[in-house]
Amino acid sequence: RANRAAQFVLNRIGPWRVLQHSSGIHSYCYDVGRADACRVPGGAVVTTTDTVLVEHPTWQLNQLIAQRALLTLTGKTPVSVTGEMTSRECFSVHLSWR
């Protein structure tokens, strides 16, 4: 029952409203670094900076999986979920959905 209620709420609010809270979610989970989301046509970009975690391939893969799961949980179809190291301490996840 609670699962269905959570699914209903996530479907109603969509991925962007969740991604807007990236900074707070990141600071809840990690003591270092920062995460920010910005909207782009057809999706969003979530950028994590100022932490050595971004250099670890396993951490990067986990971020890609988590963002893809977020899209699915919010009732969207992932079109593309890609990651990119834009500098030594900066990892960006590019998301697009329909």
C-alpha atoms as a PDB file:
ATOM      1  CA  ARG A   1       0.000   0.000   0.000  1.00  0.00           C
ATOM      2  CA  ALA A   2       2.747   2.495   0.933  1.00  0.00           C
ATOM      3  CA  ASN A   3       4.639   1.423  -2.176  1.00  0.00           C
ATOM      4  CA  ARG A   4       1.693   2.319  -4.386  1.00  0.00           C
ATOM      5  CA  ALA A   5       1.301   5.690  -2.671  1.00  0.00           C
ATOM      6  CA  ALA A   6       4.990   6.490  -3.143  1.00  0.00           C
ATOM      7  CA  GLN A   7       4.809   5.445  -6.805  1.00  0.00           C
ATOM      8  CA  PHE A   8       1.749   7.650  -7.316  1.00  0.00           C
ATOM      9  CA  VAL A   9       3.498  10.677  -5.764  1.00  0.00           C
ATOM     10  CA  LEU A  10       6.703  10.148  -7.775  1.00  0.00           C
ATOM     11  CA  ASN A  11       4.715   9.829 -11.007  1.00  0.00           C
ATOM     12  CA  ARG A  12       2.869  13.064 -10.214  1.00  0.00           C
ATOM     13  CA  ILE A  13       5.912  15.166  -9.354  1.00  0.00           C
ATOM     14  CA  GLY A  14       8.220  13.886 -12.101  1.00  0.00           C
ATOM     15  CA  PRO A  15      12.006  13.713 -12.230  1.00  0.00           C
ATOM     16  CA  TRP A  16      12.794  17.421 -12.393  1.00  0.00           C
ATOM     17  CA  ARG A  17      11.155  18.199  -9.044  1.00  0.00           C
ATOM     18  CA  VAL A  18      13.243  15.462  -7.444  1.00  0.00           C
ATOM     19  CA  LEU A  19      16.444  16.566  -9.212  1.00  0.00           C
ATOM     20  CA  GLN A  20      15.956  20.117  -7.938  1.00  0.00           C
ATOM     21  CA  HIS A  21      16.794  18.724  -4.500  1.00  0.00           C
ATOM     22  CA  SER A  22      20.136  17.237  -5.634  1.00  0.00           C
ATOM     23  CA  SER A  23      22.151  19.512  -3.362  1.00  0.00           C
ATOM     24  CA  GLY A  24      20.227  18.509  -0.228  1.00  0.00           C
ATOM     25  CA  ILE A  25      20.174  14.831  -1.126  1.00  0.00           C
ATOM     26  CA  HIS A  26      23.935  14.878  -1.740  1.00  0.00           C
ATOM     27  CA  SER A  27      24.715  16.567   1.581  1.00  0.00           C
ATOM     28  CA  TYR A  28      22.442  14.065   3.353  1.00  0.00           C
ATOM     29  CA  CYS A  29      24.416  11.138   1.879  1.00  0.00           C
ATOM     30  CA  TYR A  30      27.984  12.551   1.791  1.00  0.00           C
ATOM     31  CA  ASP A  31      30.095  14.817   4.044  1.00  0.00           C
ATOM     32  CA  VAL A  32      32.064  16.320   1.134  1.00  0.00           C
ATOM     33  CA  GLY A  33      31.330  17.724  -2.262  1.00  0.00           C
ATOM     34  CA  ARG A  34      28.314  19.268  -3.866  1.00  0.00           C
ATOM     35  CA  ALA A  35      25.685  18.229  -6.401  1.00  0.00           C
ATOM     36  CA  ASP A  36      23.588  20.562  -8.520  1.00  0.00           C
ATOM     37  CA  ALA A  37      21.042  19.982 -11.255  1.00  0.00           C
ATOM     38  CA  CYS A  38      20.215  22.214 -14.177  1.00  0.00           C
ATOM     39  CA  ARG A  39      17.476  21.815 -16.699  1.00  0.00           C
ATOM     40  CA  VAL A  40      18.310  21.397 -20.370  1.00  0.00           C
ATOM     41  CA  PRO A  41      15.951  20.854 -23.327  1.00  0.00           C
ATOM     42  CA  GLY A  42      14.504  17.351 -22.985  1.00  0.00           C
ATOM     43  CA  GLY A  43      16.161  16.561 -19.673  1.00  0.00           C
ATOM     44  CA  ALA A  44      18.653  17.664 -17.060  1.00  0.00           C
ATOM     45  CA  VAL A  45      22.320  17.602 -16.084  1.00  0.00           C
ATOM     46  CA  VAL A  46      23.361  16.660 -12.536  1.00  0.00           C
ATOM     47  CA  THR A  47      26.897  17.778 -11.708  1.00  0.00           C
ATOM     48  CA  THR A  48      28.868  16.584  -8.684  1.00  0.00           C
ATOM     49  CA  THR A  49      31.978  18.558  -7.714  1.00  0.00           C
ATOM     50  CA  ASP A  50      34.627  19.064  -5.042  1.00  0.00           C
ATOM     51  CA  THR A  51      35.080  15.472  -3.958  1.00  0.00           C
ATOM     52  CA  VAL A  52      37.533  12.731  -4.896  1.00  0.00           C
ATOM     53  CA  LEU A  53      34.603  10.303  -5.137  1.00  0.00           C
ATOM     54  CA  VAL A  54      33.907  11.483  -8.670  1.00  0.00           C
ATOM     55  CA  GLU A  55      37.163   9.899  -9.875  1.00  0.00           C
ATOM     56  CA  HIS A  56      36.086   6.354  -8.934  1.00  0.00           C
ATOM     57  CA  PRO A  57      34.538   4.386 -11.826  1.00  0.00           C
ATOM     58  CA  THR A  58      32.326   2.359  -9.470  1.00  0.00           C
ATOM     59  CA  TRP A  59      30.895   5.538  -7.925  1.00  0.00           C
ATOM     60  CA  GLN A  60      30.289   6.925 -11.424  1.00  0.00           C
ATOM     61  CA  LEU A  61      28.472   3.756 -12.481  1.00  0.00           C
ATOM     62  CA  ASN A  62      26.327   3.907  -9.335  1.00  0.00           C
ATOM     63  CA  GLN A  63      25.332   7.482 -10.204  1.00  0.00           C
ATOM     64  CA  LEU A  64      24.255   6.437 -13.692  1.00  0.00           C
ATOM     65  CA  ILE A  65      22.224   3.522 -12.335  1.00  0.00           C
ATOM     66  CA  ALA A  66      20.608   5.724  -9.669  1.00  0.00           C
ATOM     67  CA  GLN A  67      19.598   8.414 -12.169  1.00  0.00           C
ATOM     68  CA  ARG A  68      18.157   5.833 -14.555  1.00  0.00           C
ATOM     69  CA  ALA A  69      16.204   4.302 -11.653  1.00  0.00           C
ATOM     70  CA  LEU A  70      14.914   7.767 -10.712  1.00  0.00           C
ATOM     71  CA  LEU A  71      13.532   8.263 -14.218  1.00  0.00           C
ATOM     72  CA  THR A  72      11.828   4.878 -14.108  1.00  0.00           C
ATOM     73  CA  LEU A  73      10.388   5.495 -10.623  1.00  0.00           C
ATOM     74  CA  THR A  74       8.944   8.818 -11.756  1.00  0.00           C
ATOM     75  CA  GLY A  75       7.173   7.133 -14.654  1.00  0.00           C
ATOM     76  CA  LYS A  76       9.438   8.471 -17.397  1.00  0.00           C
ATOM     77  CA  THR A  77      11.141   6.501 -20.126  1.00  0.00           C
ATOM     78  CA  PRO A  78      14.906   7.098 -20.113  1.00  0.00           C
ATOM     79  CA  VAL A  79      16.120   8.104 -23.571  1.00  0.00           C
ATOM     80  CA  SER A  80      19.733   8.670 -22.562  1.00  0.00           C
ATOM     81  CA  VAL A  81      21.730   8.559 -19.326  1.00  0.00           C
ATOM     82  CA  THR A  82      25.420   9.325 -19.811  1.00  0.00           C
ATOM     83  CA  GLY A  83      28.278  10.411 -17.587  1.00  0.00           C
ATOM     84  CA  GLU A  84      31.224  12.677 -18.251  1.00  0.00           C
ATOM     85  CA  MET A  85      34.273  13.772 -16.279  1.00  0.00           C
ATOM     86  CA  THR A  86      34.473  17.483 -17.066  1.00  0.00           C
ATOM     87  CA  SER A  87      37.490  18.043 -14.803  1.00  0.00           C
ATOM     88  CA  ARG A  88      39.436  16.104 -12.180  1.00  0.00           C
ATOM     89  CA  GLU A  89      36.839  16.747  -9.471  1.00  0.00           C
ATOM     90  CA  CYS A  90      33.707  17.180 -11.556  1.00  0.00           C
ATOM     91  CA  PHE A  91      31.383  14.440 -12.854  1.00  0.00           C
ATOM     92  CA  SER A  92      28.225  15.255 -14.792  1.00  0.00           C
ATOM     93  CA  VAL A  93      25.299  12.955 -15.537  1.00  0.00           C
ATOM     94  CA  HIS A  94      23.303  13.962 -18.623  1.00  0.00           C
ATOM     95  CA  LEU A  95      19.714  12.714 -18.567  1.00  0.00           C
ATOM     96  CA  SER A  96      17.014  12.825 -21.176  1.00  0.00           C
ATOM     97  CA  TRP A  97      13.561  11.301 -20.938  1.00  0.00           C
ATOM     98  CA  ARG A  98      10.129  11.188 -22.462  1.00  0.00           C
END
